[in-house]
Amino acid sequence: MVTIKHTRESIAELEQEREQYKQQRDELIEDIQAQRDLLKEFSKFIHRKVEACPGKAEYIDFRDSLKKLGITERD
């Protein structure tokens, strides 16, 4: 059986590394949320454009692409 022995210093280094990973994770989550919010605003804009110009393929394509990402005009 393998035994792992850590010194106080190595434990402190591991804890510091873990905190850095947590901070990076939290920053990424915030970035993703900001991007989702922007996509939601863009979705509302596209929805209004589709209503105003129902035959415009570009707007319909944007709306469909947003739906594939899980962003609907009602979000």
C-alpha atoms as a PDB file:
ATOM      1  CA  MET A   1       0.000   0.000   0.000  1.00  0.00           C
ATOM      2  CA  VAL A   2       1.299   3.426  -0.938  1.00  0.00           C
ATOM      3  CA  THR A   3       1.503   6.034   1.780  1.00  0.00           C
ATOM      4  CA  ILE A   4       1.549   9.712   0.890  1.00  0.00           C
ATOM      5  CA  LYS A   5       3.193  12.038   3.346  1.00  0.00           C
ATOM      6  CA  HIS A   6       2.851  15.773   2.977  1.00  0.00           C
ATOM      7  CA  THR A   7       4.751  18.408   4.816  1.00  0.00           C
ATOM      8  CA  ARG A   8       3.106  21.534   6.149  1.00  0.00           C
ATOM      9  CA  GLU A   9       4.695  23.483   3.321  1.00  0.00           C
ATOM     10  CA  SER A  10       3.432  21.139   0.634  1.00  0.00           C
ATOM     11  CA  ILE A  11      -0.065  21.233   2.140  1.00  0.00           C
ATOM     12  CA  ALA A  12       0.035  25.037   2.173  1.00  0.00           C
ATOM     13  CA  GLU A  13       1.154  25.046  -1.472  1.00  0.00           C
ATOM     14  CA  LEU A  14      -1.649  22.669  -2.425  1.00  0.00           C
ATOM     15  CA  GLU A  15      -4.200  24.813  -0.594  1.00  0.00           C
ATOM     16  CA  GLN A  16      -2.907  27.928  -2.340  1.00  0.00           C
ATOM     17  CA  GLU A  17      -3.119  26.172  -5.700  1.00  0.00           C
ATOM     18  CA  ARG A  18      -6.673  25.054  -4.908  1.00  0.00           C
ATOM     19  CA  GLU A  19      -7.653  28.642  -4.066  1.00  0.00           C
ATOM     20  CA  GLN A  20      -6.181  29.836  -7.365  1.00  0.00           C
ATOM     21  CA  TYR A  21      -8.248  27.239  -9.238  1.00  0.00           C
ATOM     22  CA  LYS A  22     -11.361  28.320  -7.358  1.00  0.00           C
ATOM     23  CA  GLN A  23     -10.697  31.958  -8.226  1.00  0.00           C
ATOM     24  CA  GLN A  24     -10.197  31.091 -11.898  1.00  0.00           C
ATOM     25  CA  ARG A  25     -13.401  29.036 -11.856  1.00  0.00           C
ATOM     26  CA  ASP A  26     -15.369  31.890 -10.314  1.00  0.00           C
ATOM     27  CA  GLU A  27     -13.995  34.363 -12.878  1.00  0.00           C
ATOM     28  CA  LEU A  28     -14.955  32.025 -15.724  1.00  0.00           C
ATOM     29  CA  ILE A  29     -18.449  31.617 -14.313  1.00  0.00           C
ATOM     30  CA  GLU A  30     -18.817  35.411 -14.150  1.00  0.00           C
ATOM     31  CA  ASP A  31     -17.573  35.759 -17.736  1.00  0.00           C
ATOM     32  CA  ILE A  32     -20.015  33.122 -18.967  1.00  0.00           C
ATOM     33  CA  GLN A  33     -22.889  34.824 -17.151  1.00  0.00           C
ATOM     34  CA  ALA A  34     -21.991  38.171 -18.720  1.00  0.00           C
ATOM     35  CA  GLN A  35     -21.902  36.557 -22.169  1.00  0.00           C
ATOM     36  CA  ARG A  36     -25.280  34.884 -21.575  1.00  0.00           C
ATOM     37  CA  ASP A  37     -26.753  38.216 -20.527  1.00  0.00           C
ATOM     38  CA  LEU A  38     -25.435  39.823 -23.695  1.00  0.00           C
ATOM     39  CA  LEU A  39     -26.873  36.988 -25.788  1.00  0.00           C
ATOM     40  CA  LYS A  40     -30.236  37.418 -24.072  1.00  0.00           C
ATOM     41  CA  GLU A  41     -30.255  41.119 -24.962  1.00  0.00           C
ATOM     42  CA  PHE A  42     -29.260  40.287 -28.537  1.00  0.00           C
ATOM     43  CA  SER A  43     -32.050  37.693 -28.650  1.00  0.00           C
ATOM     44  CA  LYS A  44     -34.619  40.315 -27.636  1.00  0.00           C
ATOM     45  CA  PHE A  45     -33.275  42.624 -30.367  1.00  0.00           C
ATOM     46  CA  ILE A  46     -33.478  39.848 -32.985  1.00  0.00           C
ATOM     47  CA  HIS A  47     -36.996  38.939 -31.860  1.00  0.00           C
ATOM     48  CA  ARG A  48     -38.108  42.532 -32.447  1.00  0.00           C
ATOM     49  CA  LYS A  49     -36.421  42.506 -35.859  1.00  0.00           C
ATOM     50  CA  VAL A  50     -38.155  39.235 -36.827  1.00  0.00           C
ATOM     51  CA  GLU A  51     -41.500  40.724 -35.826  1.00  0.00           C
ATOM     52  CA  ALA A  52     -40.804  43.914 -37.806  1.00  0.00           C
ATOM     53  CA  CYS A  53     -39.383  42.129 -40.873  1.00  0.00           C
ATOM     54  CA  PRO A  54     -40.779  38.573 -40.809  1.00  0.00           C
ATOM     55  CA  GLY A  55     -39.343  37.614 -44.211  1.00  0.00           C
ATOM     56  CA  LYS A  56     -35.712  38.516 -43.472  1.00  0.00           C
ATOM     57  CA  ALA A  57     -33.730  35.274 -43.522  1.00  0.00           C
ATOM     58  CA  GLU A  58     -30.752  36.810 -41.671  1.00  0.00           C
ATOM     59  CA  TYR A  59     -32.835  37.596 -38.606  1.00  0.00           C
ATOM     60  CA  ILE A  60     -34.513  34.203 -38.646  1.00  0.00           C
ATOM     61  CA  ASP A  61     -31.103  32.508 -38.940  1.00  0.00           C
ATOM     62  CA  PHE A  62     -29.802  34.500 -35.951  1.00  0.00           C
ATOM     63  CA  ARG A  63     -32.897  33.559 -33.941  1.00  0.00           C
ATOM     64  CA  ASP A  64     -32.476  29.880 -34.819  1.00  0.00           C
ATOM     65  CA  SER A  65     -28.774  29.953 -33.894  1.00  0.00           C
ATOM     66  CA  LEU A  66     -29.619  31.516 -30.530  1.00  0.00           C
ATOM     67  CA  LYS A  67     -32.260  28.853 -29.911  1.00  0.00           C
ATOM     68  CA  LYS A  68     -29.617  26.158 -30.525  1.00  0.00           C
ATOM     69  CA  LEU A  69     -27.584  27.781 -27.745  1.00  0.00           C
ATOM     70  CA  GLY A  70     -30.588  27.656 -25.433  1.00  0.00           C
ATOM     71  CA  ILE A  71     -31.255  31.406 -25.652  1.00  0.00           C
ATOM     72  CA  THR A  72     -34.837  32.298 -26.472  1.00  0.00           C
ATOM     73  CA  GLU A  73     -36.352  35.710 -27.019  1.00  0.00           C
ATOM     74  CA  ARG A  74     -38.366  35.352 -23.821  1.00  0.00           C
ATOM     75  CA  ASP A  75     -35.291  34.931 -21.545  1.00  0.00           C
END
